[in-house]
């Protein structure tokens, strides 16, 4: 499925359709990709301003890192859909004999593991975005600080939605060691993401005299 070649309108429409893909995992990656783009935009606007010349090199460096994260996250939109489709195909394998049942079970377990690993990567790359966001928010041109904050919060949302997709696949995986490893990683990513997102909000709030998040 080549989701990322669709227009935004078509992508959103496909999310609303009866088809199971694209689903929440693709939406999670899209959210974080947009988040990375917005934080990068704020960094570039800041770097381009004469008033912020002392931050130019660092902001350009961060924008480059965010571009790399964005590219990976866009790829994960398609990869998540493909991972689910592999699970769906494995579930449709014949199970008329004991041999077929065993083959189907083995194929399904392989597909489920991959379907858990893909959103886990979405979590990891989303966290990379969130690790950068506070620095951009703190040093941003005030005219685009809300874009940086929005980007950080979109990345947090993407990470949280990806977590849901990790967990639902882990529920059906028999390999408990694998489940614990992936579960522990996803929990660690979520905890750090919460810290980073709160830092983004606090930095924004400190810059405000009135309304705050």
N, C-alpha and C. Protein backbone atom coordinates (compact mmCIF):
# COMPACT_ATOMS: atom_id res chain seq x y z
N UNK A 1 0.84 -1.20 0.00
CA UNK A 1 0.00 0.00 0.00
C UNK A 1 0.88 1.25 0.00
N UNK A 2 0.69 2.09 -0.98
CA UNK A 2 1.47 3.32 -1.10
C UNK A 2 0.63 4.49 -0.61
N UNK A 3 0.48 4.57 0.70
CA UNK A 3 -0.38 5.59 1.29
C UNK A 3 0.20 6.98 1.10
N UNK A 4 1.52 7.09 1.23
CA UNK A 4 2.13 8.40 1.24
C UNK A 4 2.13 9.10 -0.12
N UNK A 5 1.71 8.39 -1.16
CA UNK A 5 1.57 9.05 -2.46
C UNK A 5 0.20 9.70 -2.61
N UNK A 6 -0.69 9.47 -1.65
CA UNK A 6 -2.02 10.05 -1.69
C UNK A 6 -1.98 11.52 -1.30
N UNK A 7 -2.99 12.25 -1.71
CA UNK A 7 -3.15 13.61 -1.20
C UNK A 7 -3.58 13.52 0.26
N UNK A 8 -3.42 14.62 0.98
CA UNK A 8 -3.84 14.63 2.38
C UNK A 8 -5.33 14.34 2.49
N UNK A 9 -6.12 14.92 1.58
CA UNK A 9 -7.57 14.69 1.60
C UNK A 9 -7.89 13.20 1.43
N UNK A 10 -7.20 12.56 0.48
CA UNK A 10 -7.46 11.14 0.23
C UNK A 10 -6.99 10.28 1.40
N UNK A 11 -5.88 10.66 2.01
CA UNK A 11 -5.37 9.91 3.16
C UNK A 11 -6.36 9.96 4.31
N UNK A 12 -6.85 11.13 4.61
CA UNK A 12 -7.81 11.27 5.71
C UNK A 12 -9.10 10.52 5.39
N UNK A 13 -9.52 10.57 4.15
CA UNK A 13 -10.71 9.84 3.74
C UNK A 13 -10.50 8.33 3.89
N UNK A 14 -9.31 7.86 3.52
CA UNK A 14 -9.03 6.43 3.64
C UNK A 14 -9.00 5.98 5.10
N UNK A 15 -8.60 6.88 6.00
CA UNK A 15 -8.64 6.55 7.42
C UNK A 15 -10.07 6.32 7.90
N UNK A 16 -11.01 7.00 7.26
CA UNK A 16 -12.41 6.91 7.70
C UNK A 16 -13.17 5.76 7.06
N UNK A 17 -12.52 5.05 6.14
CA UNK A 17 -13.22 4.01 5.40
C UNK A 17 -13.37 2.72 6.20
N UNK A 18 -14.11 1.78 5.66
CA UNK A 18 -14.31 0.49 6.32
C UNK A 18 -13.06 -0.38 6.24
N UNK A 19 -12.14 -0.05 5.36
CA UNK A 19 -10.90 -0.82 5.22
C UNK A 19 -10.07 -0.69 6.49
N UNK A 20 -9.45 -1.79 6.96
CA UNK A 20 -8.67 -1.74 8.20
C UNK A 20 -7.35 -0.99 8.08
N UNK A 21 -6.89 -0.78 6.84
CA UNK A 21 -5.67 -0.01 6.64
C UNK A 21 -5.93 1.10 5.62
N UNK A 22 -5.36 2.28 5.85
CA UNK A 22 -4.52 2.65 6.99
C UNK A 22 -5.35 2.78 8.26
N UNK A 23 -4.69 2.53 9.39
CA UNK A 23 -5.38 2.59 10.67
C UNK A 23 -4.63 3.46 11.66
N UNK A 24 -4.80 3.12 12.93
CA UNK A 24 -4.23 3.94 13.99
C UNK A 24 -2.72 4.05 13.95
N UNK A 25 -2.05 2.98 13.54
CA UNK A 25 -0.60 3.02 13.48
C UNK A 25 -0.10 3.99 12.43
N UNK A 26 -0.75 4.00 11.27
CA UNK A 26 -0.39 4.94 10.22
C UNK A 26 -0.71 6.37 10.65
N UNK A 27 -1.85 6.53 11.30
CA UNK A 27 -2.22 7.84 11.81
C UNK A 27 -1.23 8.35 12.84
N UNK A 28 -0.72 7.44 13.67
CA UNK A 28 0.27 7.81 14.68
C UNK A 28 1.54 8.33 14.03
N UNK A 29 2.02 7.61 13.02
CA UNK A 29 3.23 8.03 12.33
C UNK A 29 3.03 9.36 11.62
N UNK A 30 1.84 9.55 11.05
CA UNK A 30 1.54 10.81 10.36
C UNK A 30 1.53 11.98 11.34
N UNK A 31 0.95 11.76 12.52
CA UNK A 31 0.92 12.81 13.53
C UNK A 31 2.33 13.23 13.92
N UNK A 32 3.18 12.25 14.16
CA UNK A 32 4.55 12.57 14.56
C UNK A 32 5.35 13.18 13.43
N UNK A 33 5.08 12.76 12.19
CA UNK A 33 5.77 13.35 11.04
C UNK A 33 5.42 14.84 10.92
N UNK A 34 4.15 15.16 11.11
CA UNK A 34 3.74 16.56 11.08
C UNK A 34 4.37 17.32 12.25
N UNK A 35 4.48 16.66 13.39
CA UNK A 35 5.12 17.29 14.53
C UNK A 35 6.58 17.62 14.25
N UNK A 36 7.30 16.67 13.67
CA UNK A 36 8.70 16.90 13.32
C UNK A 36 8.83 18.06 12.34
N UNK A 37 7.91 18.13 11.38
CA UNK A 37 7.95 19.20 10.39
C UNK A 37 7.73 20.57 11.02
N UNK A 38 6.80 20.66 11.95
CA UNK A 38 6.52 21.95 12.58
C UNK A 38 7.66 22.43 13.46
N UNK A 39 8.27 21.51 14.20
CA UNK A 39 9.41 21.90 15.04
C UNK A 39 10.57 22.34 14.15
N UNK A 40 10.77 21.62 13.04
CA UNK A 40 11.82 22.00 12.10
C UNK A 40 11.56 23.38 11.49
N UNK A 41 10.30 23.66 11.18
CA UNK A 41 9.94 24.97 10.63
C UNK A 41 10.31 26.08 11.61
N UNK A 42 9.96 25.89 12.88
CA UNK A 42 10.27 26.90 13.89
C UNK A 42 11.79 27.09 14.02
N UNK A 43 12.53 25.99 13.94
CA UNK A 43 13.98 26.09 14.02
C UNK A 43 14.54 26.87 12.83
N UNK A 44 14.01 26.62 11.64
CA UNK A 44 14.51 27.30 10.44
C UNK A 44 14.14 28.79 10.44
N UNK A 45 12.93 29.10 10.87
CA UNK A 45 12.53 30.51 10.93
C UNK A 45 13.43 31.25 11.90
N UNK A 46 13.73 30.61 13.02
CA UNK A 46 14.62 31.22 14.01
C UNK A 46 16.01 31.40 13.42
N UNK A 47 16.51 30.39 12.74
CA UNK A 47 17.86 30.45 12.16
C UNK A 47 17.98 31.54 11.10
N UNK A 48 16.88 31.85 10.44
CA UNK A 48 16.91 32.83 9.35
C UNK A 48 16.84 34.27 9.84
N UNK A 49 16.54 34.47 11.11
CA UNK A 49 16.38 35.83 11.63
C UNK A 49 17.69 36.44 12.09
N UNK A 50 17.97 37.65 11.68
CA UNK A 50 19.21 38.32 12.08
C UNK A 50 19.28 38.49 13.60
N UNK A 51 18.15 38.65 14.20
CA UNK A 51 18.10 38.85 15.66
C UNK A 51 18.56 37.60 16.41
N UNK A 52 18.50 36.45 15.75
CA UNK A 52 18.85 35.19 16.40
C UNK A 52 20.09 34.56 15.75
N UNK A 53 20.99 35.42 15.29
CA UNK A 53 22.19 34.94 14.59
C UNK A 53 23.04 34.03 15.47
N UNK A 54 23.01 34.26 16.78
CA UNK A 54 23.81 33.44 17.69
C UNK A 54 23.27 32.01 17.79
N UNK A 55 22.06 31.78 17.33
CA UNK A 55 21.45 30.45 17.40
C UNK A 55 21.36 29.77 16.03
N UNK A 56 21.78 30.47 15.00
CA UNK A 56 21.61 30.01 13.64
C UNK A 56 22.18 28.61 13.42
N UNK A 57 23.43 28.40 13.78
CA UNK A 57 24.08 27.11 13.51
C UNK A 57 23.39 25.97 14.25
N UNK A 58 23.05 26.20 15.51
CA UNK A 58 22.40 25.15 16.30
C UNK A 58 20.99 24.87 15.79
N UNK A 59 20.25 25.89 15.44
CA UNK A 59 18.89 25.67 14.94
C UNK A 59 18.90 24.95 13.60
N UNK A 60 19.87 25.26 12.75
CA UNK A 60 19.98 24.55 11.47
C UNK A 60 20.34 23.09 11.69
N UNK A 61 21.20 22.84 12.68
CA UNK A 61 21.57 21.46 13.01
C UNK A 61 20.35 20.68 13.49
N UNK A 62 19.57 21.27 14.36
CA UNK A 62 18.38 20.60 14.88
C UNK A 62 17.35 20.38 13.78
N UNK A 63 17.21 21.35 12.88
CA UNK A 63 16.26 21.21 11.77
C UNK A 63 16.65 20.02 10.90
N UNK A 64 17.95 19.83 10.68
CA UNK A 64 18.41 18.69 9.89
C UNK A 64 18.08 17.37 10.55
N UNK A 65 18.25 17.29 11.86
CA UNK A 65 17.91 16.07 12.60
C UNK A 65 16.40 15.79 12.53
N UNK A 66 15.63 16.84 12.62
CA UNK A 66 14.18 16.69 12.55
C UNK A 66 13.74 16.25 11.16
N UNK A 67 14.43 16.71 10.14
CA UNK A 67 14.12 16.28 8.77
C UNK A 67 14.31 14.77 8.64
N UNK A 68 15.40 14.25 9.23
CA UNK A 68 15.65 12.81 9.17
C UNK A 68 14.56 12.03 9.88
N UNK A 69 14.14 12.51 11.04
CA UNK A 69 13.05 11.86 11.78
C UNK A 69 11.76 11.90 10.97
N UNK A 70 11.49 13.03 10.35
CA UNK A 70 10.27 13.17 9.55
C UNK A 70 10.24 12.16 8.40
N UNK A 71 11.37 12.01 7.73
CA UNK A 71 11.44 11.09 6.59
C UNK A 71 11.16 9.65 7.05
N UNK A 72 11.71 9.27 8.18
CA UNK A 72 11.49 7.91 8.71
C UNK A 72 10.02 7.73 9.08
N UNK A 73 9.46 8.74 9.72
CA UNK A 73 8.06 8.65 10.15
C UNK A 73 7.11 8.55 8.95
N UNK A 74 7.42 9.26 7.87
CA UNK A 74 6.59 9.15 6.67
C UNK A 74 6.66 7.72 6.12
N UNK A 75 7.85 7.13 6.13
CA UNK A 75 7.99 5.75 5.68
C UNK A 75 7.18 4.80 6.57
N UNK A 76 7.12 5.10 7.85
CA UNK A 76 6.41 4.25 8.80
C UNK A 76 4.89 4.28 8.59
N UNK A 77 4.38 5.31 7.95
CA UNK A 77 2.95 5.35 7.61
C UNK A 77 2.61 4.14 6.74
N UNK A 78 3.41 3.92 5.71
CA UNK A 78 3.20 2.77 4.82
C UNK A 78 3.59 1.46 5.50
N UNK A 79 4.68 1.47 6.23
CA UNK A 79 5.16 0.24 6.84
C UNK A 79 4.18 -0.31 7.87
N UNK A 80 3.50 0.57 8.59
CA UNK A 80 2.53 0.10 9.57
C UNK A 80 1.36 -0.59 8.89
N UNK A 81 0.88 0.01 7.81
CA UNK A 81 -0.23 -0.60 7.07
C UNK A 81 0.18 -1.95 6.51
N UNK A 82 1.40 -2.03 5.99
CA UNK A 82 1.89 -3.29 5.43
C UNK A 82 2.01 -4.36 6.51
N UNK A 83 2.43 -3.95 7.70
CA UNK A 83 2.57 -4.91 8.81
C UNK A 83 1.22 -5.49 9.20
N UNK A 84 0.19 -4.65 9.24
CA UNK A 84 -1.14 -5.16 9.57
C UNK A 84 -1.65 -6.09 8.48
N UNK A 85 -1.39 -5.73 7.24
CA UNK A 85 -1.86 -6.56 6.14
C UNK A 85 -1.21 -7.94 6.18
N UNK A 86 0.05 -8.01 6.64
CA UNK A 86 0.72 -9.30 6.79
C UNK A 86 0.04 -10.15 7.85
N UNK A 87 -0.39 -9.51 8.92
CA UNK A 87 -1.13 -10.23 9.96
C UNK A 87 -2.45 -10.74 9.40
N UNK A 88 -3.13 -9.90 8.65
CA UNK A 88 -4.41 -10.29 8.06
C UNK A 88 -4.26 -11.48 7.11
N UNK A 89 -3.21 -11.46 6.33
CA UNK A 89 -2.96 -12.57 5.40
C UNK A 89 -2.66 -13.87 6.15
N UNK A 90 -1.90 -13.76 7.22
CA UNK A 90 -1.57 -14.95 8.02
C UNK A 90 -2.83 -15.53 8.66
N UNK A 91 -3.73 -14.68 9.08
CA UNK A 91 -4.97 -15.15 9.70
C UNK A 91 -5.85 -15.90 8.70
N UNK A 92 -5.70 -15.59 7.41
CA UNK A 92 -6.52 -16.23 6.38
C UNK A 92 -5.93 -17.54 5.86
N UNK A 93 -4.76 -17.93 6.36
CA UNK A 93 -4.14 -19.18 5.91
C UNK A 93 -5.03 -20.36 6.29
N UNK A 94 -5.01 -21.42 5.50
CA UNK A 94 -5.87 -22.58 5.80
C UNK A 94 -5.49 -23.26 7.10
N UNK A 95 -6.46 -23.88 7.74
CA UNK A 95 -6.21 -24.61 9.00
C UNK A 95 -7.07 -25.87 9.04
N UNK A 96 -7.06 -26.59 7.93
CA UNK A 96 -7.86 -27.82 7.85
C UNK A 96 -7.16 -29.02 8.46
N UNK A 97 -5.84 -29.01 8.45
CA UNK A 97 -5.08 -30.12 9.02
C UNK A 97 -4.20 -29.60 10.15
N UNK A 98 -3.62 -30.52 10.90
CA UNK A 98 -2.74 -30.12 12.00
C UNK A 98 -1.51 -29.40 11.46
N UNK A 99 -1.03 -29.85 10.30
CA UNK A 99 0.14 -29.21 9.69
C UNK A 99 -0.19 -27.78 9.27
N UNK A 100 -1.36 -27.61 8.69
CA UNK A 100 -1.77 -26.27 8.28
C UNK A 100 -1.99 -25.36 9.48
N UNK A 101 -2.54 -25.91 10.53
CA UNK A 101 -2.75 -25.13 11.75
C UNK A 101 -1.41 -24.67 12.33
N UNK A 102 -0.43 -25.58 12.33
CA UNK A 102 0.89 -25.24 12.88
C UNK A 102 1.57 -24.18 12.01
N UNK A 103 1.45 -24.32 10.69
CA UNK A 103 2.06 -23.36 9.78
C UNK A 103 1.40 -21.98 9.91
N UNK A 104 0.08 -22.00 10.05
CA UNK A 104 -0.64 -20.74 10.21
C UNK A 104 -0.24 -20.05 11.51
N UNK A 105 -0.15 -20.82 12.59
CA UNK A 105 0.22 -20.25 13.88
C UNK A 105 1.62 -19.64 13.83
N UNK A 106 2.55 -20.34 13.21
CA UNK A 106 3.92 -19.84 13.11
C UNK A 106 3.98 -18.56 12.29
N UNK A 107 3.27 -18.55 11.15
CA UNK A 107 3.26 -17.36 10.30
C UNK A 107 2.62 -16.18 11.01
N UNK A 108 1.57 -16.47 11.76
CA UNK A 108 0.87 -15.40 12.47
C UNK A 108 1.74 -14.80 13.56
N UNK A 109 2.49 -15.63 14.26
CA UNK A 109 3.36 -15.13 15.31
C UNK A 109 4.46 -14.24 14.75
N UNK A 110 5.02 -14.64 13.60
CA UNK A 110 6.04 -13.81 12.95
C UNK A 110 5.44 -12.47 12.55
N UNK A 111 4.26 -12.50 11.96
CA UNK A 111 3.61 -11.27 11.51
C UNK A 111 3.25 -10.36 12.69
N UNK A 112 2.78 -10.95 13.77
CA UNK A 112 2.42 -10.16 14.95
C UNK A 112 3.64 -9.49 15.58
N UNK A 113 4.76 -10.19 15.59
CA UNK A 113 5.98 -9.59 16.13
C UNK A 113 6.39 -8.37 15.32
N UNK A 114 6.32 -8.52 14.00
CA UNK A 114 6.67 -7.39 13.14
C UNK A 114 5.67 -6.25 13.33
N UNK A 115 4.40 -6.60 13.49
CA UNK A 115 3.36 -5.59 13.68
C UNK A 115 3.52 -4.85 14.99
N UNK A 116 4.22 -5.44 15.96
CA UNK A 116 4.53 -4.74 17.21
C UNK A 116 5.80 -3.91 17.08
N UNK A 117 6.75 -4.40 16.29
CA UNK A 117 8.03 -3.70 16.14
C UNK A 117 7.90 -2.40 15.36
N UNK A 118 7.00 -2.38 14.37
CA UNK A 118 6.86 -1.17 13.55
C UNK A 118 6.35 0.01 14.38
N UNK A 119 5.25 -0.10 15.13
CA UNK A 119 4.84 1.04 15.94
C UNK A 119 5.81 1.35 17.07
N UNK A 120 6.59 0.34 17.49
CA UNK A 120 7.62 0.63 18.48
C UNK A 120 8.66 1.58 17.88
N UNK A 121 8.99 1.37 16.61
CA UNK A 121 9.91 2.30 15.95
C UNK A 121 9.28 3.68 15.81
N UNK A 122 7.98 3.72 15.54
CA UNK A 122 7.30 5.01 15.51
C UNK A 122 7.44 5.72 16.85
N UNK A 123 7.31 4.98 17.93
CA UNK A 123 7.50 5.56 19.26
C UNK A 123 8.92 6.10 19.43
N UNK A 124 9.88 5.32 19.01
CA UNK A 124 11.28 5.71 19.17
C UNK A 124 11.61 6.99 18.40
N UNK A 125 11.16 7.06 17.15
CA UNK A 125 11.46 8.23 16.33
C UNK A 125 10.65 9.44 16.81
N UNK A 126 9.42 9.20 17.27
CA UNK A 126 8.63 10.29 17.85
C UNK A 126 9.33 10.87 19.07
N UNK A 127 9.93 9.99 19.85
CA UNK A 127 10.68 10.44 21.03
C UNK A 127 11.89 11.27 20.62
N UNK A 128 12.53 10.90 19.52
CA UNK A 128 13.64 11.71 19.02
C UNK A 128 13.19 13.14 18.75
N UNK A 129 11.99 13.27 18.18
CA UNK A 129 11.43 14.60 17.93
C UNK A 129 11.17 15.33 19.24
N UNK A 130 10.60 14.63 20.19
CA UNK A 130 10.29 15.24 21.48
C UNK A 130 11.53 15.64 22.26
N UNK A 131 12.63 14.95 22.05
CA UNK A 131 13.87 15.30 22.74
C UNK A 131 14.44 16.63 22.23
N UNK A 132 14.13 16.94 20.99
CA UNK A 132 14.62 18.19 20.39
C UNK A 132 13.67 19.35 20.66
N UNK A 133 12.38 19.06 20.72
CA UNK A 133 11.37 20.11 20.81
C UNK A 133 11.60 21.13 21.93
N UNK A 134 11.94 20.71 23.17
CA UNK A 134 12.12 21.72 24.22
C UNK A 134 13.18 22.77 23.90
N UNK A 135 14.29 22.33 23.32
CA UNK A 135 15.35 23.28 22.99
C UNK A 135 14.88 24.29 21.94
N UNK A 136 14.12 23.81 20.96
CA UNK A 136 13.61 24.72 19.93
C UNK A 136 12.59 25.68 20.54
N UNK A 137 11.71 25.17 21.38
CA UNK A 137 10.72 26.02 22.04
C UNK A 137 11.41 27.10 22.86
N UNK A 138 12.43 26.72 23.60
CA UNK A 138 13.12 27.66 24.49
C UNK A 138 13.87 28.74 23.72
N UNK A 139 14.36 28.42 22.54
CA UNK A 139 15.20 29.36 21.78
C UNK A 139 14.53 29.91 20.53
N UNK A 140 13.26 29.61 20.37
CA UNK A 140 12.56 29.97 19.14
C UNK A 140 12.27 31.46 19.03
N UNK A 141 12.21 31.90 17.79
CA UNK A 141 11.64 33.20 17.49
C UNK A 141 10.22 33.20 18.07
N UNK A 142 9.87 34.19 18.89
CA UNK A 142 8.52 34.20 19.51
C UNK A 142 7.38 34.11 18.52
N UNK A 143 7.62 34.55 17.29
CA UNK A 143 6.56 34.53 16.29
C UNK A 143 6.18 33.12 15.85
N UNK A 144 7.05 32.14 16.12
CA UNK A 144 6.73 30.77 15.69
C UNK A 144 6.86 29.76 16.83
N UNK A 145 6.92 30.26 18.06
CA UNK A 145 7.07 29.33 19.19
C UNK A 145 5.87 28.40 19.30
N UNK A 146 4.68 28.88 18.96
CA UNK A 146 3.50 28.01 19.05
C UNK A 146 3.56 26.88 18.03
N UNK A 147 4.26 27.10 16.92
CA UNK A 147 4.44 26.03 15.95
C UNK A 147 5.34 24.94 16.52
N UNK A 148 6.39 25.36 17.23
CA UNK A 148 7.28 24.39 17.87
C UNK A 148 6.56 23.61 18.95
N UNK A 149 5.75 24.31 19.74
CA UNK A 149 4.98 23.64 20.79
C UNK A 149 3.98 22.67 20.17
N UNK A 150 3.27 23.12 19.15
CA UNK A 150 2.31 22.25 18.47
C UNK A 150 3.00 21.00 17.92
N UNK A 151 4.18 21.20 17.34
CA UNK A 151 4.91 20.06 16.81
C UNK A 151 5.29 19.06 17.88
N UNK A 152 5.73 19.56 19.02
CA UNK A 152 6.07 18.65 20.11
C UNK A 152 4.87 17.87 20.61
N UNK A 153 3.73 18.55 20.71
CA UNK A 153 2.52 17.87 21.19
C UNK A 153 1.97 16.88 20.17
N UNK A 154 2.14 17.19 18.88
CA UNK A 154 1.74 16.22 17.84
C UNK A 154 2.62 14.97 17.91
N UNK A 155 3.90 15.16 18.19
CA UNK A 155 4.80 14.01 18.32
C UNK A 155 4.43 13.17 19.54
N UNK A 156 4.04 13.83 20.63
CA UNK A 156 3.61 13.08 21.81
C UNK A 156 2.35 12.28 21.50
N UNK A 157 1.41 12.90 20.80
CA UNK A 157 0.18 12.20 20.42
C UNK A 157 0.50 11.00 19.54
N UNK A 158 1.38 11.19 18.57
CA UNK A 158 1.78 10.07 17.71
C UNK A 158 2.40 8.94 18.50
N UNK A 159 3.24 9.29 19.45
CA UNK A 159 3.88 8.27 20.28
C UNK A 159 2.84 7.51 21.10
N UNK A 160 1.90 8.21 21.70
CA UNK A 160 0.88 7.55 22.51
C UNK A 160 0.00 6.63 21.68
N UNK A 161 -0.34 7.07 20.47
CA UNK A 161 -1.17 6.24 19.60
C UNK A 161 -0.39 5.02 19.11
N UNK A 162 0.90 5.20 18.84
CA UNK A 162 1.73 4.06 18.45
C UNK A 162 1.82 3.04 19.58
N UNK A 163 1.87 3.53 20.82
CA UNK A 163 1.91 2.63 21.98
C UNK A 163 0.70 1.70 21.99
N UNK A 164 -0.47 2.24 21.69
CA UNK A 164 -1.68 1.42 21.65
C UNK A 164 -1.54 0.27 20.66
N UNK A 165 -0.89 0.57 19.52
CA UNK A 165 -0.71 -0.45 18.49
C UNK A 165 0.34 -1.48 18.89
N UNK A 166 1.33 -1.08 19.66
CA UNK A 166 2.28 -2.04 20.21
C UNK A 166 1.55 -3.00 21.15
N UNK A 167 0.80 -2.44 22.07
CA UNK A 167 0.17 -3.24 23.11
C UNK A 167 -0.85 -4.23 22.57
N UNK A 168 -1.64 -3.82 21.58
CA UNK A 168 -2.67 -4.72 21.08
C UNK A 168 -2.06 -5.93 20.38
N UNK A 169 -0.90 -5.75 19.76
CA UNK A 169 -0.22 -6.88 19.13
C UNK A 169 0.46 -7.77 20.16
N UNK A 170 0.99 -7.18 21.20
CA UNK A 170 1.63 -7.98 22.25
C UNK A 170 0.64 -8.92 22.93
N UNK A 171 -0.63 -8.52 22.95
CA UNK A 171 -1.66 -9.36 23.57
C UNK A 171 -1.77 -10.74 22.93
N UNK A 172 -1.37 -10.84 21.66
CA UNK A 172 -1.55 -12.09 20.93
C UNK A 172 -0.23 -12.81 20.62
N UNK A 173 0.86 -12.34 21.19
CA UNK A 173 2.18 -12.94 20.94
C UNK A 173 2.51 -13.93 22.05
N UNK A 174 2.87 -15.14 21.65
CA UNK A 174 3.14 -16.21 22.62
C UNK A 174 4.51 -16.09 23.26
N UNK A 175 5.46 -15.48 22.56
CA UNK A 175 6.84 -15.38 23.05
C UNK A 175 6.89 -14.33 24.16
N UNK A 176 6.89 -14.80 25.40
CA UNK A 176 6.82 -13.88 26.54
C UNK A 176 8.09 -13.05 26.71
N UNK A 177 9.24 -13.63 26.36
CA UNK A 177 10.48 -12.86 26.45
C UNK A 177 10.45 -11.68 25.47
N UNK A 178 9.99 -11.96 24.26
CA UNK A 178 9.83 -10.90 23.26
C UNK A 178 8.85 -9.85 23.77
N UNK A 179 7.73 -10.31 24.31
CA UNK A 179 6.71 -9.40 24.81
C UNK A 179 7.23 -8.51 25.91
N UNK A 180 8.03 -9.08 26.81
CA UNK A 180 8.58 -8.28 27.91
C UNK A 180 9.57 -7.25 27.38
N UNK A 181 10.41 -7.66 26.44
CA UNK A 181 11.41 -6.73 25.90
C UNK A 181 10.74 -5.54 25.20
N UNK A 182 9.77 -5.85 24.35
CA UNK A 182 9.07 -4.78 23.63
C UNK A 182 8.23 -3.94 24.59
N UNK A 183 7.59 -4.61 25.54
CA UNK A 183 6.77 -3.90 26.52
C UNK A 183 7.60 -2.96 27.38
N UNK A 184 8.77 -3.41 27.79
CA UNK A 184 9.64 -2.57 28.61
C UNK A 184 10.14 -1.36 27.83
N UNK A 185 10.51 -1.58 26.58
CA UNK A 185 10.98 -0.46 25.75
C UNK A 185 9.87 0.56 25.54
N UNK A 186 8.68 0.08 25.23
CA UNK A 186 7.58 1.01 24.98
C UNK A 186 7.23 1.80 26.24
N UNK A 187 7.32 1.14 27.38
CA UNK A 187 7.05 1.83 28.64
C UNK A 187 8.09 2.92 28.91
N UNK A 188 9.36 2.60 28.64
CA UNK A 188 10.43 3.58 28.83
C UNK A 188 10.25 4.77 27.90
N UNK A 189 9.90 4.49 26.64
CA UNK A 189 9.69 5.58 25.68
C UNK A 189 8.55 6.48 26.14
N UNK A 190 7.48 5.86 26.62
CA UNK A 190 6.31 6.63 27.06
C UNK A 190 6.66 7.53 28.25
N UNK A 191 7.41 6.99 29.19
CA UNK A 191 7.77 7.78 30.38
C UNK A 191 8.62 8.98 30.00
N UNK A 192 9.61 8.76 29.14
CA UNK A 192 10.46 9.88 28.74
C UNK A 192 9.67 10.89 27.90
N UNK A 193 8.78 10.39 27.06
CA UNK A 193 7.97 11.29 26.24
C UNK A 193 7.12 12.20 27.12
N UNK A 194 6.60 11.66 28.20
CA UNK A 194 5.78 12.47 29.12
C UNK A 194 6.62 13.59 29.73
N UNK A 195 7.85 13.28 30.08
CA UNK A 195 8.76 14.29 30.64
C UNK A 195 9.04 15.38 29.60
N UNK A 196 9.36 14.96 28.38
CA UNK A 196 9.70 15.92 27.33
C UNK A 196 8.50 16.80 26.97
N UNK A 197 7.31 16.20 26.87
CA UNK A 197 6.11 16.97 26.53
C UNK A 197 5.78 17.97 27.63
N UNK A 198 5.93 17.57 28.87
CA UNK A 198 5.69 18.49 29.98
C UNK A 198 6.70 19.63 29.97
N UNK A 199 7.93 19.32 29.56
CA UNK A 199 8.96 20.36 29.46
C UNK A 199 8.58 21.37 28.38
N UNK A 200 8.08 20.87 27.27
CA UNK A 200 7.62 21.76 26.19
C UNK A 200 6.53 22.70 26.71
N UNK A 201 5.56 22.13 27.41
CA UNK A 201 4.46 22.94 27.94
C UNK A 201 4.94 23.96 28.96
N UNK A 202 5.83 23.52 29.85
CA UNK A 202 6.34 24.43 30.89
C UNK A 202 7.13 25.58 30.29
N UNK A 203 7.96 25.29 29.29
CA UNK A 203 8.74 26.34 28.65
C UNK A 203 7.83 27.34 27.96
N UNK A 204 6.78 26.83 27.34
CA UNK A 204 5.82 27.73 26.70
C UNK A 204 5.10 28.58 27.75
N UNK A 205 4.68 27.95 28.84
CA UNK A 205 3.96 28.66 29.88
C UNK A 205 4.80 29.77 30.51
N UNK A 206 6.10 29.51 30.64
CA UNK A 206 6.99 30.51 31.22
C UNK A 206 7.10 31.75 30.34
N UNK A 207 6.83 31.58 29.06
CA UNK A 207 6.92 32.71 28.12
C UNK A 207 5.61 33.49 28.04
N UNK A 208 4.61 33.01 28.76
CA UNK A 208 3.29 33.62 28.70
C UNK A 208 2.96 34.31 30.02
N UNK A 209 2.37 35.47 29.93
CA UNK A 209 1.93 36.15 31.14
C UNK A 209 0.47 35.86 31.44
N UNK A 210 -0.27 35.49 30.41
CA UNK A 210 -1.70 35.25 30.58
C UNK A 210 -2.04 33.79 30.41
N UNK A 211 -2.74 33.47 29.33
CA UNK A 211 -3.19 32.09 29.11
C UNK A 211 -2.01 31.14 28.95
N UNK A 212 -2.15 29.93 29.47
CA UNK A 212 -1.09 28.96 29.37
C UNK A 212 -1.69 27.56 29.18
N UNK A 213 -0.84 26.61 28.88
CA UNK A 213 -1.30 25.23 28.66
C UNK A 213 -1.47 24.51 29.98
